[in-house]
């Protein structure tokens, strides 16, 4: 995996809101895959930042620079679909 590319602070704030409210999210990844999971928290390991989620199949973690977009599935949510990266930044 390539060196970690941090998110800007304003985009990171959306992830913190999702975790604070425990939103169930539709996640779009740079590799083209999608999944649904409930946001729990973020964590840092060395210089990498991760989103910790709970999916129907169990806990999972996704490195933040692998996220293309998030969309909260809970209504009402405090934001809509947020694009976190551009597709050309993929692996």
PDB file of N, CA and C in Angstrom:
ATOM      1  N   UNK A   1       0.849  -1.181   0.000  1.00  0.00           N
ATOM      2  CA  UNK A   1       0.000   0.000   0.000  1.00  0.00           C
ATOM      3  C   UNK A   1       0.894   1.243   0.000  1.00  0.00           C
ATOM      4  N   UNK A   2       0.456   2.250  -0.711  1.00  0.00           N
ATOM      5  CA  UNK A   2       1.207   3.498  -0.825  1.00  0.00           C
ATOM      6  C   UNK A   2       1.278   4.223   0.515  1.00  0.00           C
ATOM      7  N   UNK A   3       2.200   5.191   0.597  1.00  0.00           N
ATOM      8  CA  UNK A   3       2.330   6.005   1.801  1.00  0.00           C
ATOM      9  C   UNK A   3       1.006   6.716   2.084  1.00  0.00           C
ATOM     10  N   UNK A   4       0.676   6.833   3.339  1.00  0.00           N
ATOM     11  CA  UNK A   4      -0.595   7.425   3.752  1.00  0.00           C
ATOM     12  C   UNK A   4      -0.692   8.886   3.322  1.00  0.00           C
ATOM     13  N   UNK A   5      -1.856   9.246   2.763  1.00  0.00           N
ATOM     14  CA  UNK A   5      -2.160  10.620   2.377  1.00  0.00           C
ATOM     15  C   UNK A   5      -3.270  11.124   3.298  1.00  0.00           C
ATOM     16  N   UNK A   6      -2.974  11.997   4.266  1.00  0.00           N
ATOM     17  CA  UNK A   6      -3.999  12.425   5.226  1.00  0.00           C
ATOM     18  C   UNK A   6      -5.126  13.230   4.579  1.00  0.00           C
ATOM     19  N   UNK A   7      -6.300  13.128   5.202  1.00  0.00           N
ATOM     20  CA  UNK A   7      -7.451  13.928   4.785  1.00  0.00           C
ATOM     21  C   UNK A   7      -7.297  15.346   5.301  1.00  0.00           C
ATOM     22  N   UNK A   8      -7.932  16.272   4.631  1.00  0.00           N
ATOM     23  CA  UNK A   8      -7.955  17.641   5.152  1.00  0.00           C
ATOM     24  C   UNK A   8      -8.826  17.661   6.411  1.00  0.00           C
ATOM     25  N   UNK A   9      -8.586  18.614   7.274  1.00  0.00           N
ATOM     26  CA  UNK A   9      -9.319  18.704   8.544  1.00  0.00           C
ATOM     27  C   UNK A   9     -10.823  18.848   8.342  1.00  0.00           C
ATOM     28  N   UNK A  10     -11.248  19.624   7.339  1.00  0.00           N
ATOM     29  CA  UNK A  10     -12.690  19.807   7.138  1.00  0.00           C
ATOM     30  C   UNK A  10     -13.365  18.507   6.727  1.00  0.00           C
ATOM     31  N   UNK A  11     -12.688  17.652   5.965  1.00  0.00           N
ATOM     32  CA  UNK A  11     -13.266  16.360   5.599  1.00  0.00           C
ATOM     33  C   UNK A  11     -13.237  15.386   6.777  1.00  0.00           C
ATOM     34  N   UNK A  12     -12.174  15.439   7.551  1.00  0.00           N
ATOM     35  CA  UNK A  12     -12.053  14.588   8.741  1.00  0.00           C
ATOM     36  C   UNK A  12     -13.197  14.871   9.715  1.00  0.00           C
ATOM     37  N   UNK A  13     -13.629  16.122   9.782  1.00  0.00           N
ATOM     38  CA  UNK A  13     -14.737  16.486  10.678  1.00  0.00           C
ATOM     39  C   UNK A  13     -16.004  15.693  10.376  1.00  0.00           C
ATOM     40  N   UNK A  14     -16.274  15.399   9.105  1.00  0.00           N
ATOM     41  CA  UNK A  14     -17.457  14.603   8.757  1.00  0.00           C
ATOM     42  C   UNK A  14     -17.361  13.193   9.330  1.00  0.00           C
ATOM     43  N   UNK A  15     -16.163  12.630   9.327  1.00  0.00           N
ATOM     44  CA  UNK A  15     -15.986  11.302   9.917  1.00  0.00           C
ATOM     45  C   UNK A  15     -16.215  11.345  11.425  1.00  0.00           C
ATOM     46  N   UNK A  16     -15.751  12.405  12.064  1.00  0.00           N
ATOM     47  CA  UNK A  16     -15.977  12.546  13.508  1.00  0.00           C
ATOM     48  C   UNK A  16     -17.467  12.687  13.821  1.00  0.00           C
ATOM     49  N   UNK A  17     -18.190  13.428  13.004  1.00  0.00           N
ATOM     50  CA  UNK A  17     -19.642  13.564  13.193  1.00  0.00           C
ATOM     51  C   UNK A  17     -20.316  12.203  13.020  1.00  0.00           C
ATOM     52  N   UNK A  18     -19.920  11.461  11.991  1.00  0.00           N
ATOM     53  CA  UNK A  18     -20.493  10.132  11.747  1.00  0.00           C
ATOM     54  C   UNK A  18     -20.258   9.212  12.941  1.00  0.00           C
ATOM     55  N   UNK A  19     -19.075   9.282  13.531  1.00  0.00           N
ATOM     56  CA  UNK A  19     -18.767   8.456  14.703  1.00  0.00           C
ATOM     57  C   UNK A  19     -19.537   8.936  15.934  1.00  0.00           C
ATOM     58  N   UNK A  20     -19.602  10.228  16.128  1.00  0.00           N
ATOM     59  CA  UNK A  20     -20.309  10.795  17.278  1.00  0.00           C
ATOM     60  C   UNK A  20     -21.765  10.335  17.313  1.00  0.00           C
ATOM     61  N   UNK A  21     -22.415  10.349  16.148  1.00  0.00           N
ATOM     62  CA  UNK A  21     -23.821   9.966  16.078  1.00  0.00           C
ATOM     63  C   UNK A  21     -24.022   8.490  15.736  1.00  0.00           C
ATOM     64  N   UNK A  22     -22.925   7.761  15.526  1.00  0.00           N
ATOM     65  CA  UNK A  22     -23.017   6.343  15.208  1.00  0.00           C
ATOM     66  C   UNK A  22     -23.778   6.062  13.932  1.00  0.00           C
ATOM     67  N   UNK A  23     -23.565   6.913  12.931  1.00  0.00           N
ATOM     68  CA  UNK A  23     -24.280   6.757  11.660  1.00  0.00           C
ATOM     69  C   UNK A  23     -23.918   5.437  10.985  1.00  0.00           C
ATOM     70  N   UNK A  24     -24.925   4.841  10.384  1.00  0.00           N
ATOM     71  CA  UNK A  24     -24.698   3.747   9.445  1.00  0.00           C
ATOM     72  C   UNK A  24     -24.356   4.424   8.125  1.00  0.00           C
ATOM     73  N   UNK A  25     -23.231   4.007   7.517  1.00  0.00           N
ATOM     74  CA  UNK A  25     -22.707   4.672   6.330  1.00  0.00           C
ATOM     75  C   UNK A  25     -22.671   3.748   5.126  1.00  0.00           C
ATOM     76  N   UNK A  26     -22.901   4.330   3.971  1.00  0.00           N
ATOM     77  CA  UNK A  26     -22.565   3.693   2.694  1.00  0.00           C
ATOM     78  C   UNK A  26     -21.172   4.204   2.382  1.00  0.00           C
ATOM     79  N   UNK A  27     -20.197   3.316   2.281  1.00  0.00           N
ATOM     80  CA  UNK A  27     -18.820   3.700   2.012  1.00  0.00           C
ATOM     81  C   UNK A  27     -18.453   3.310   0.592  1.00  0.00           C
ATOM     82  N   UNK A  28     -17.887   4.241  -0.145  1.00  0.00           N
ATOM     83  CA  UNK A  28     -17.373   3.985  -1.486  1.00  0.00           C
ATOM     84  C   UNK A  28     -15.852   4.046  -1.385  1.00  0.00           C
ATOM     85  N   UNK A  29     -15.197   2.976  -1.824  1.00  0.00           N
ATOM     86  CA  UNK A  29     -13.748   2.911  -1.737  1.00  0.00           C
ATOM     87  C   UNK A  29     -13.110   3.218  -3.081  1.00  0.00           C
ATOM     88  N   UNK A  30     -11.856   3.612  -3.046  1.00  0.00           N
ATOM     89  CA  UNK A  30     -11.144   3.975  -4.273  1.00  0.00           C
ATOM     90  C   UNK A  30     -11.024   2.805  -5.242  1.00  0.00           C
ATOM     91  N   UNK A  31     -11.048   1.580  -4.735  1.00  0.00           N
ATOM     92  CA  UNK A  31     -10.932   0.418  -5.616  1.00  0.00           C
ATOM     93  C   UNK A  31     -12.249   0.076  -6.315  1.00  0.00           C
ATOM     94  N   UNK A  32     -13.301   0.895  -6.082  1.00  0.00           N
ATOM     95  CA  UNK A  32     -14.586   0.692  -6.723  1.00  0.00           C
ATOM     96  C   UNK A  32     -15.581  -0.117  -5.907  1.00  0.00           C
ATOM     97  N   UNK A  33     -15.150  -0.686  -4.805  1.00  0.00           N
ATOM     98  CA  UNK A  33     -16.061  -1.467  -3.971  1.00  0.00           C
ATOM     99  C   UNK A  33     -16.877  -0.551  -3.063  1.00  0.00           C
ATOM    100  N   UNK A  34     -17.993  -1.084  -2.563  1.00  0.00           N
ATOM    101  CA  UNK A  34     -18.840  -0.362  -1.621  1.00  0.00           C
ATOM    102  C   UNK A  34     -19.198  -1.293  -0.475  1.00  0.00           C
ATOM    103  N   UNK A  35     -19.531  -0.708   0.651  1.00  0.00           N
ATOM    104  CA  UNK A  35     -20.001  -1.484   1.789  1.00  0.00           C
ATOM    105  C   UNK A  35     -20.817  -0.593   2.691  1.00  0.00           C
ATOM    106  N   UNK A  36     -21.586  -1.234   3.565  1.00  0.00           N
ATOM    107  CA  UNK A  36     -22.386  -0.522   4.557  1.00  0.00           C
ATOM    108  C   UNK A  36     -21.940  -0.973   5.936  1.00  0.00           C
ATOM    109  N   UNK A  37     -21.735   0.001   6.823  1.00  0.00           N
ATOM    110  CA  UNK A  37     -21.294  -0.305   8.185  1.00  0.00           C
ATOM    111  C   UNK A  37     -21.571   0.901   9.075  1.00  0.00           C
ATOM    112  N   UNK A  38     -21.609   0.645  10.377  1.00  0.00           N
ATOM    113  CA  UNK A  38     -21.844   1.700  11.357  1.00  0.00           C
ATOM    114  C   UNK A  38     -20.515   2.277  11.834  1.00  0.00           C
ATOM    115  N   UNK A  39     -20.388   3.612  11.751  1.00  0.00           N
ATOM    116  CA  UNK A  39     -19.171   4.302  12.192  1.00  0.00           C
ATOM    117  C   UNK A  39     -19.059   4.223  13.713  1.00  0.00           C
ATOM    118  N   UNK A  40     -17.862   3.895  14.192  1.00  0.00           N
ATOM    119  CA  UNK A  40     -17.642   3.821  15.633  1.00  0.00           C
ATOM    120  C   UNK A  40     -16.638   4.853  16.124  1.00  0.00           C
ATOM    121  N   UNK A  41     -15.457   4.875  15.527  1.00  0.00           N
ATOM    122  CA  UNK A  41     -14.427   5.818  15.957  1.00  0.00           C
ATOM    123  C   UNK A  41     -13.349   5.903  14.881  1.00  0.00           C
ATOM    124  N   UNK A  42     -12.416   6.791  15.071  1.00  0.00           N
ATOM    125  CA  UNK A  42     -11.219   6.845  14.241  1.00  0.00           C
ATOM    126  C   UNK A  42     -10.041   6.543  15.148  1.00  0.00           C
ATOM    127  N   UNK A  43      -8.972   6.072  14.546  1.00  0.00           N
ATOM    128  CA  UNK A  43      -7.764   5.804  15.325  1.00  0.00           C
ATOM    129  C   UNK A  43      -6.550   6.088  14.460  1.00  0.00           C
ATOM    130  N   UNK A  44      -5.429   6.309  15.124  1.00  0.00           N
ATOM    131  CA  UNK A  44      -4.169   6.564  14.446  1.00  0.00           C
ATOM    132  C   UNK A  44      -3.189   5.467  14.815  1.00  0.00           C
ATOM    133  N   UNK A  45      -2.488   4.953  13.809  1.00  0.00           N
ATOM    134  CA  UNK A  45      -1.437   3.966  14.011  1.00  0.00           C
ATOM    135  C   UNK A  45      -0.221   4.467  13.252  1.00  0.00           C
ATOM    136  N   UNK A  46       0.827   4.811  13.985  1.00  0.00           N
ATOM    137  CA  UNK A  46       1.985   5.474  13.402  1.00  0.00           C
ATOM    138  C   UNK A  46       1.504   6.763  12.734  1.00  0.00           C
ATOM    139  N   UNK A  47       1.608   6.869  11.427  1.00  0.00           N
ATOM    140  CA  UNK A  47       1.118   8.073  10.745  1.00  0.00           C
ATOM    141  C   UNK A  47      -0.176   7.820   9.989  1.00  0.00           C
ATOM    142  N   UNK A  48      -0.660   6.571   9.995  1.00  0.00           N
ATOM    143  CA  UNK A  48      -1.891   6.222   9.282  1.00  0.00           C
ATOM    144  C   UNK A  48      -3.112   6.476  10.164  1.00  0.00           C
ATOM    145  N   UNK A  49      -4.210   6.901   9.525  1.00  0.00           N
ATOM    146  CA  UNK A  49      -5.471   7.114  10.232  1.00  0.00           C
ATOM    147  C   UNK A  49      -6.498   6.130   9.684  1.00  0.00           C
ATOM    148  N   UNK A  50      -7.321   5.594  10.577  1.00  0.00           N
ATOM    149  CA  UNK A  50      -8.261   4.534  10.244  1.00  0.00           C
ATOM    150  C   UNK A  50      -9.651   4.881  10.741  1.00  0.00           C
ATOM    151  N   UNK A  51     -10.658   4.444   9.992  1.00  0.00           N
ATOM    152  CA  UNK A  51     -12.046   4.523  10.422  1.00  0.00           C
ATOM    153  C   UNK A  51     -12.428   3.142  10.926  1.00  0.00           C
ATOM    154  N   UNK A  52     -12.892   3.086  12.172  1.00  0.00           N
ATOM    155  CA  UNK A  52     -13.300   1.828  12.793  1.00  0.00           C
ATOM    156  C   UNK A  52     -14.813   1.720  12.646  1.00  0.00           C
ATOM    157  N   UNK A  53     -15.258   0.591  12.104  1.00  0.00           N
ATOM    158  CA  UNK A  53     -16.664   0.393  11.776  1.00  0.00           C
ATOM    159  C   UNK A  53     -17.159  -0.944  12.321  1.00  0.00           C
ATOM    160  N   UNK A  54     -18.475  -1.050  12.423  1.00  0.00           N
ATOM    161  CA  UNK A  54     -19.105  -2.323  12.750  1.00  0.00           C
ATOM    162  C   UNK A  54     -20.017  -2.687  11.588  1.00  0.00           C
ATOM    163  N   UNK A  55     -19.712  -3.788  10.913  1.00  0.00           N
ATOM    164  CA  UNK A  55     -20.543  -4.241   9.796  1.00  0.00           C
ATOM    165  C   UNK A  55     -21.358  -5.450  10.248  1.00  0.00           C
ATOM    166  N   UNK A  56     -22.252  -5.901   9.394  1.00  0.00           N
ATOM    167  CA  UNK A  56     -23.047  -7.085   9.714  1.00  0.00           C
ATOM    168  C   UNK A  56     -22.168  -8.314   9.917  1.00  0.00           C
ATOM    169  N   UNK A  57     -21.006  -8.326   9.274  1.00  0.00           N
ATOM    170  CA  UNK A  57     -20.101  -9.469   9.408  1.00  0.00           C
ATOM    171  C   UNK A  57     -19.029  -9.268  10.483  1.00  0.00           C
ATOM    172  N   UNK A  58     -19.089  -8.161  11.227  1.00  0.00           N
ATOM    173  CA  UNK A  58     -18.151  -7.935  12.316  1.00  0.00           C
ATOM    174  C   UNK A  58     -17.411  -6.614  12.193  1.00  0.00           C
ATOM    175  N   UNK A  59     -16.456  -6.377  13.105  1.00  0.00           N
ATOM    176  CA  UNK A  59     -15.703  -5.122  13.089  1.00  0.00           C
ATOM    177  C   UNK A  59     -14.733  -5.072  11.913  1.00  0.00           C
ATOM    178  N   UNK A  60     -14.496  -3.857  11.431  1.00  0.00           N
ATOM    179  CA  UNK A  60     -13.502  -3.666  10.380  1.00  0.00           C
ATOM    180  C   UNK A  60     -12.919  -2.276  10.484  1.00  0.00           C
ATOM    181  N   UNK A  61     -11.755  -2.118   9.865  1.00  0.00           N
ATOM    182  CA  UNK A  61     -11.060  -0.835   9.831  1.00  0.00           C
ATOM    183  C   UNK A  61     -10.670  -0.531   8.389  1.00  0.00           C
ATOM    184  N   UNK A  62     -10.842   0.723   8.005  1.00  0.00           N
ATOM    185  CA  UNK A  62     -10.479   1.160   6.656  1.00  0.00           C
ATOM    186  C   UNK A  62      -9.566   2.366   6.779  1.00  0.00           C
ATOM    187  N   UNK A  63      -8.427   2.303   6.101  1.00  0.00           N
ATOM    188  CA  UNK A  63      -7.508   3.443   6.112  1.00  0.00           C
ATOM    189  C   UNK A  63      -8.183   4.601   5.393  1.00  0.00           C
ATOM    190  N   UNK A  64      -8.144   5.778   5.995  1.00  0.00           N
ATOM    191  CA  UNK A  64      -8.918   6.915   5.505  1.00  0.00           C
ATOM    192  C   UNK A  64      -8.600   7.302   4.071  1.00  0.00           C
ATOM    193  N   UNK A  65      -7.377   7.123   3.634  1.00  0.00           N
ATOM    194  CA  UNK A  65      -7.054   7.520   2.263  1.00  0.00           C
ATOM    195  C   UNK A  65      -7.521   6.495   1.222  1.00  0.00           C
ATOM    196  N   UNK A  66      -8.223   5.457   1.658  1.00  0.00           N
ATOM    197  CA  UNK A  66      -8.823   4.493   0.737  1.00  0.00           C
ATOM    198  C   UNK A  66     -10.308   4.787   0.508  1.00  0.00           C
ATOM    199  N   UNK A  67     -10.835   5.789   1.222  1.00  0.00           N
ATOM    200  CA  UNK A  67     -12.241   6.167   1.083  1.00  0.00           C
ATOM    201  C   UNK A  67     -12.427   7.164  -0.049  1.00  0.00           C
ATOM    202  N   UNK A  68     -13.358   6.864  -0.931  1.00  0.00           N
ATOM    203  CA  UNK A  68     -13.737   7.814  -1.977  1.00  0.00           C
ATOM    204  C   UNK A  68     -14.829   8.733  -1.458  1.00  0.00           C
ATOM    205  N   UNK A  69     -15.863   8.139  -0.835  1.00  0.00           N
ATOM    206  CA  UNK A  69     -16.994   8.934  -0.345  1.00  0.00           C
ATOM    207  C   UNK A  69     -17.731   8.181   0.753  1.00  0.00           C
ATOM    208  N   UNK A  70     -18.447   8.950   1.575  1.00  0.00           N
ATOM    209  CA  UNK A  70     -19.332   8.374   2.584  1.00  0.00           C
ATOM    210  C   UNK A  70     -20.701   9.027   2.449  1.00  0.00           C
ATOM    211  N   UNK A  71     -21.728   8.231   2.700  1.00  0.00           N
ATOM    212  CA  UNK A  71     -23.098   8.731   2.686  1.00  0.00           C
ATOM    213  C   UNK A  71     -23.810   8.168   3.910  1.00  0.00           C
ATOM    214  N   UNK A  72     -24.315   9.023   4.805  1.00  0.00           N
ATOM    215  CA  UNK A  72     -25.063   8.504   5.954  1.00  0.00           C
ATOM    216  C   UNK A  72     -26.396   7.912   5.497  1.00  0.00           C
ATOM    217  N   UNK A  73     -26.735   6.766   6.058  1.00  0.00           N
ATOM    218  CA  UNK A  73     -27.992   6.098   5.722  1.00  0.00           C
ATOM    219  C   UNK A  73     -29.078   6.385   6.751  1.00  0.00           C
ATOM    220  N   UNK A  74     -28.709   6.920   7.899  1.00  0.00           N
ATOM    221  CA  UNK A  74     -29.676   7.263   8.948  1.00  0.00           C
ATOM    222  C   UNK A  74     -30.311   8.611   8.641  1.00  0.00           C
ATOM    223  N   UNK A  75     -31.606   8.701   8.885  1.00  0.00           N
ATOM    224  CA  UNK A  75     -32.338   9.959   8.663  1.00  0.00           C
ATOM    225  C   UNK A  75     -32.903  10.441   9.992  1.00  0.00           C
ATOM    226  N   UNK A  76     -32.873  11.703  10.296  1.00  0.00           N
ATOM    227  CA  UNK A  76     -32.142  12.729   9.546  1.00  0.00           C
ATOM    228  C   UNK A  76     -30.658  12.688   9.899  1.00  0.00           C
ATOM    229  N   UNK A  77     -29.817  12.977   8.959  1.00  0.00           N
ATOM    230  CA  UNK A  77     -28.378  13.051   9.191  1.00  0.00           C
ATOM    231  C   UNK A  77     -27.948  14.507   9.071  1.00  0.00           C
ATOM    232  N   UNK A  78     -26.816  14.825   9.627  1.00  0.00           N
ATOM    233  CA  UNK A  78     -26.319  16.206   9.623  1.00  0.00           C
ATOM    234  C   UNK A  78     -25.574  16.572   8.346  1.00  0.00           C
ATOM    235  N   UNK A  79     -25.408  15.599   7.449  1.00  0.00           N
ATOM    236  CA  UNK A  79     -24.783  15.866   6.160  1.00  0.00           C
ATOM    237  C   UNK A  79     -25.236  14.798   5.173  1.00  0.00           C
ATOM    238  N   UNK A  80     -24.994  15.041   3.894  1.00  0.00           N
ATOM    239  CA  UNK A  80     -25.315  14.077   2.840  1.00  0.00           C
ATOM    240  C   UNK A  80     -24.042  13.396   2.369  1.00  0.00           C
ATOM    241  N   UNK A  81     -24.019  12.993   1.115  1.00  0.00           N
ATOM    242  CA  UNK A  81     -22.837  12.329   0.561  1.00  0.00           C
ATOM    243  C   UNK A  81     -21.661  13.301   0.574  1.00  0.00           C
ATOM    244  N   UNK A  82     -20.536  12.819   1.072  1.00  0.00           N
ATOM    245  CA  UNK A  82     -19.312  13.618   1.127  1.00  0.00           C
ATOM    246  C   UNK A  82     -18.227  12.879   0.348  1.00  0.00           C
ATOM    247  N   UNK A  83     -17.698  13.540  -0.668  1.00  0.00           N
ATOM    248  CA  UNK A  83     -16.579  12.966  -1.416  1.00  0.00           C
ATOM    249  C   UNK A  83     -15.288  13.307  -0.680  1.00  0.00           C
ATOM    250  N   UNK A  84     -14.541  12.267  -0.323  1.00  0.00           N
ATOM    251  CA  UNK A  84     -13.312  12.444   0.447  1.00  0.00           C
ATOM    252  C   UNK A  84     -12.063  12.427  -0.415  1.00  0.00           C
ATOM    253  N   UNK A  85     -12.174  11.896  -1.628  1.00  0.00           N
ATOM    254  CA  UNK A  85     -11.004  11.788  -2.519  1.00  0.00           C
ATOM    255  C   UNK A  85     -11.492  11.776  -3.960  1.00  0.00           C
ATOM    256  N   UNK A  86     -10.551  11.865  -4.842  1.00  0.00           N
ATOM    257  CA  UNK A  86     -10.836  11.722  -6.273  1.00  0.00           C
ATOM    258  C   UNK A  86     -10.378  10.335  -6.703  1.00  0.00           C
ATOM    259  N   UNK A  87     -11.066   9.775  -7.680  1.00  0.00           N
ATOM    260  CA  UNK A  87     -10.751   8.415  -8.129  1.00  0.00           C
ATOM    261  C   UNK A  87      -9.312   8.264  -8.617  1.00  0.00           C
ATOM    262  N   UNK A  88      -8.740   9.297  -9.213  1.00  0.00           N
ATOM    263  CA  UNK A  88      -7.389   9.162  -9.748  1.00  0.00           C
ATOM    264  C   UNK A  88      -6.340   8.963  -8.672  1.00  0.00           C
ATOM    265  N   UNK A  89      -6.701   9.124  -7.397  1.00  0.00           N
ATOM    266  CA  UNK A  89      -5.739   8.948  -6.307  1.00  0.00           C
ATOM    267  C   UNK A  89      -5.646   7.489  -5.885  1.00  0.00           C
ATOM    268  N   UNK A  90      -6.256   6.569  -6.615  1.00  0.00           N
ATOM    269  CA  UNK A  90      -6.292   5.171  -6.214  1.00  0.00           C
ATOM    270  C   UNK A  90      -4.903   4.556  -6.192  1.00  0.00           C
ATOM    271  N   UNK A  91      -4.858   3.333  -5.625  1.00  0.00           N
ATOM    272  CA  UNK A  91      -3.613   2.606  -5.413  1.00  0.00           C
ATOM    273  C   UNK A  91      -2.784   2.653  -6.665  1.00  0.00           C
TER     274      UNK A  91
END
